Amino acid sequence: MICQKFLFKKSVFFKFLFLTILFFSNTFSKSFSQGKKIVLKEVEVEEKAIPFINILNKAYSFRERDKFIKLLLSNKFWKNNFFIKINLSSFDNKSLYEFDLKGETIVKINSKILSKKHKYKTYRKIKNLIPKIENVRIYYYKKTDTLNRFIVEIKTKKTDQ
């Protein structure tokens, strides 16, 4: 009989302990799960907007703009046999286009014409330039019938180049 009372008390104790733990764990989990309000000033967006390029006074979206800049600056753009094919899509009707940049090309960064010995030949300089780019524009320069060139104009956020 003493043993039965002891077992009864023991089972009641464990039931009480189990229900108490269950109650407190459920209460704490609900109180901590609501969280705080998110302040939008602190949210950082990691996805970049699709860059655009202005070619012959028409804007195109250009996903591979950074790759194009690397290719342009690391190659000999001042030579007659220079050639780059650019795949574009239009902002207006989302059509796909190709543009061939060929022949002797003038490259300007913040209105400064780059020479054969420009400072953007190294990977590090190009990598530092790319995040600063605001606008890329390609237009055709025709001075005479024999002198026809494309001009690639790159504008950056800071003018202390």
Protein backbone atom coordinates (compact mmCIF):
# COMPACT_ATOMS: atom_id res chain seq x y z
CA MET A 1 0.00 0.00 0.00
CA ILE A 2 2.81 2.36 0.80
CA CYS A 3 4.37 1.38 -2.46
CA GLN A 4 1.16 2.12 -4.39
CA LYS A 5 0.84 5.58 -2.79
CA PHE A 6 4.44 6.28 -3.64
CA LEU A 7 3.94 5.21 -7.27
CA PHE A 8 0.74 7.25 -7.48
CA LYS A 9 2.50 10.34 -6.12
CA LYS A 10 5.42 9.74 -8.48
CA SER A 11 3.16 9.50 -11.56
CA VAL A 12 1.19 12.59 -10.51
CA PHE A 13 4.45 14.46 -9.98
CA PHE A 14 5.72 13.55 -13.46
CA LYS A 15 2.40 14.50 -15.06
CA PHE A 16 2.47 17.83 -13.26
CA LEU A 17 6.10 18.39 -14.25
CA PHE A 18 5.38 17.50 -17.89
CA LEU A 19 2.36 19.84 -18.08
CA THR A 20 4.31 22.67 -16.42
CA ILE A 21 7.20 22.33 -18.88
CA LEU A 22 4.77 22.16 -21.78
CA PHE A 23 2.94 25.27 -20.60
CA PHE A 24 6.09 27.36 -20.11
CA SER A 25 7.74 26.25 -23.33
CA ASN A 26 4.60 27.08 -25.30
CA THR A 27 4.30 30.48 -23.62
CA PHE A 28 7.95 31.40 -24.22
CA SER A 29 7.95 30.26 -27.83
CA LYS A 30 4.92 32.42 -28.64
CA SER A 31 6.31 35.48 -26.91
CA PHE A 32 9.67 35.29 -28.70
CA SER A 33 8.38 34.36 -32.15
CA GLN A 34 6.80 37.71 -33.04
CA GLY A 35 10.08 39.59 -33.36
CA LYS A 36 10.62 43.29 -33.94
CA LYS A 37 9.54 45.67 -36.64
CA ILE A 38 12.09 45.93 -39.44
CA VAL A 39 13.44 49.41 -40.02
CA LEU A 40 13.66 49.79 -43.80
CA LYS A 41 16.66 52.10 -43.57
CA GLU A 42 18.71 49.15 -42.34
CA VAL A 43 17.72 46.73 -45.12
CA GLU A 44 20.41 46.17 -47.73
CA VAL A 45 19.55 45.04 -51.23
CA GLU A 46 22.16 42.79 -52.79
CA GLU A 47 20.53 42.46 -56.21
CA LYS A 48 21.80 45.06 -58.65
CA ALA A 49 19.65 46.76 -61.24
CA ILE A 50 20.28 45.77 -64.84
CA PRO A 51 22.77 48.28 -66.25
CA PHE A 52 21.96 50.12 -69.42
CA ILE A 53 24.00 51.46 -72.29
CA ASN A 54 23.18 54.24 -74.70
CA ILE A 55 24.09 53.33 -78.30
CA LEU A 56 23.48 55.83 -81.09
CA ASN A 57 21.03 57.77 -78.86
CA LYS A 58 18.92 54.74 -77.91
CA ALA A 59 18.94 53.09 -74.47
CA TYR A 60 19.41 49.33 -74.18
CA SER A 61 19.57 47.08 -71.15
CA PHE A 62 22.94 45.42 -71.05
CA ARG A 63 23.47 42.65 -68.50
CA GLU A 64 27.08 42.11 -69.52
CA ARG A 65 28.15 45.74 -69.30
CA ASP A 66 30.91 45.01 -66.80
CA LYS A 67 32.26 42.22 -68.99
CA PHE A 68 32.17 44.59 -71.98
CA ILE A 69 34.15 47.26 -70.07
CA LYS A 70 36.77 44.67 -69.06
CA LEU A 71 37.06 43.45 -72.65
CA LEU A 72 37.18 46.96 -74.08
CA LEU A 73 39.86 48.29 -71.74
CA SER A 74 42.05 45.18 -71.81
CA ASN A 75 42.17 45.03 -75.64
CA LYS A 76 43.82 47.32 -78.20
CA PHE A 77 40.79 49.46 -79.06
CA TRP A 78 42.93 51.98 -80.98
CA LYS A 79 43.74 49.47 -83.76
CA ASN A 80 41.81 49.09 -87.03
CA ASN A 81 41.19 45.35 -86.47
CA PHE A 82 39.46 45.89 -83.09
CA PHE A 83 36.09 44.09 -82.84
CA ILE A 84 33.55 43.41 -80.07
CA LYS A 85 30.03 42.02 -80.56
CA ILE A 86 27.51 43.30 -78.00
CA ASN A 87 24.25 41.45 -77.21
CA LEU A 88 21.54 43.88 -76.09
CA SER A 89 17.86 44.04 -75.26
CA SER A 90 15.70 47.12 -75.75
CA PHE A 91 13.97 48.88 -72.84
CA ASP A 92 10.94 49.73 -75.00
CA ASN A 93 9.82 46.42 -76.45
CA LYS A 94 12.28 43.92 -74.91
CA SER A 95 13.58 42.88 -78.34
CA LEU A 96 17.04 41.38 -78.66
CA TYR A 97 19.70 43.16 -80.68
CA GLU A 98 23.34 42.77 -81.60
CA PHE A 99 25.76 45.62 -82.07
CA ASP A 100 29.20 45.32 -83.63
CA LEU A 101 31.82 47.69 -82.33
CA LYS A 102 34.57 47.44 -84.92
CA GLY A 103 37.51 49.41 -86.12
CA GLU A 104 39.55 52.10 -84.45
CA THR A 105 37.63 53.23 -81.36
CA ILE A 106 38.08 56.24 -79.11
CA VAL A 107 37.46 55.58 -75.41
CA LYS A 108 36.74 58.46 -73.04
CA ILE A 109 36.47 58.22 -69.28
CA ASN A 110 35.03 61.41 -67.77
CA SER A 111 35.81 63.30 -71.01
CA LYS A 112 39.48 62.23 -70.97
CA ILE A 113 40.55 60.33 -74.08
CA LEU A 114 42.50 57.19 -73.26
CA SER A 115 45.80 56.70 -75.07
CA LYS A 116 47.60 53.46 -75.89
CA LYS A 117 49.33 53.72 -72.51
CA HIS A 118 46.18 54.27 -70.45
CA LYS A 119 46.08 53.35 -66.76
CA TYR A 120 43.10 50.96 -67.00
CA LYS A 121 44.98 48.03 -68.53
CA THR A 122 45.35 46.11 -65.27
CA TYR A 123 42.64 43.95 -63.75
CA ARG A 124 42.75 45.87 -60.46
CA LYS A 125 42.23 49.28 -62.10
CA ILE A 126 39.33 47.96 -64.19
CA LYS A 127 37.78 46.28 -61.13
CA ASN A 128 37.97 49.57 -59.19
CA LEU A 129 36.47 51.52 -62.10
CA ILE A 130 33.42 49.31 -62.74
CA PRO A 131 31.43 50.08 -59.52
CA LYS A 132 31.89 53.81 -60.15
CA ILE A 133 30.36 53.74 -63.65
CA GLU A 134 27.13 55.71 -63.99
CA ASN A 135 26.67 55.80 -67.74
CA VAL A 136 28.13 54.20 -70.87
CA ARG A 137 27.44 55.78 -74.23
CA ILE A 138 28.53 54.69 -77.71
CA TYR A 139 28.17 57.04 -80.63
CA TYR A 140 29.53 57.38 -84.13
CA TYR A 141 32.03 60.07 -85.04
CA LYS A 142 32.31 60.99 -88.71
CA LYS A 143 34.78 63.76 -89.45
CA THR A 144 35.44 62.99 -93.11
CA ASP A 145 34.60 60.19 -95.52
CA THR A 146 37.78 58.36 -94.55
CA LEU A 147 37.76 59.07 -90.81
CA ASN A 148 34.87 57.18 -89.20
CA ARG A 149 35.16 56.06 -85.59
CA PHE A 150 33.07 54.87 -82.72
CA ILE A 151 33.44 56.71 -79.45
CA VAL A 152 32.78 54.91 -76.18
CA GLU A 153 32.16 57.44 -73.43
CA ILE A 154 32.18 56.26 -69.82
CA LYS A 155 30.99 58.57 -67.05
CA THR A 156 31.75 57.73 -63.44
CA LYS A 157 30.31 58.94 -60.13
CA LYS A 158 33.55 60.57 -59.01
CA THR A 159 35.57 62.82 -61.29
CA ASP A 160 38.87 62.42 -59.45
CA GLN A 161 40.24 59.91 -61.94
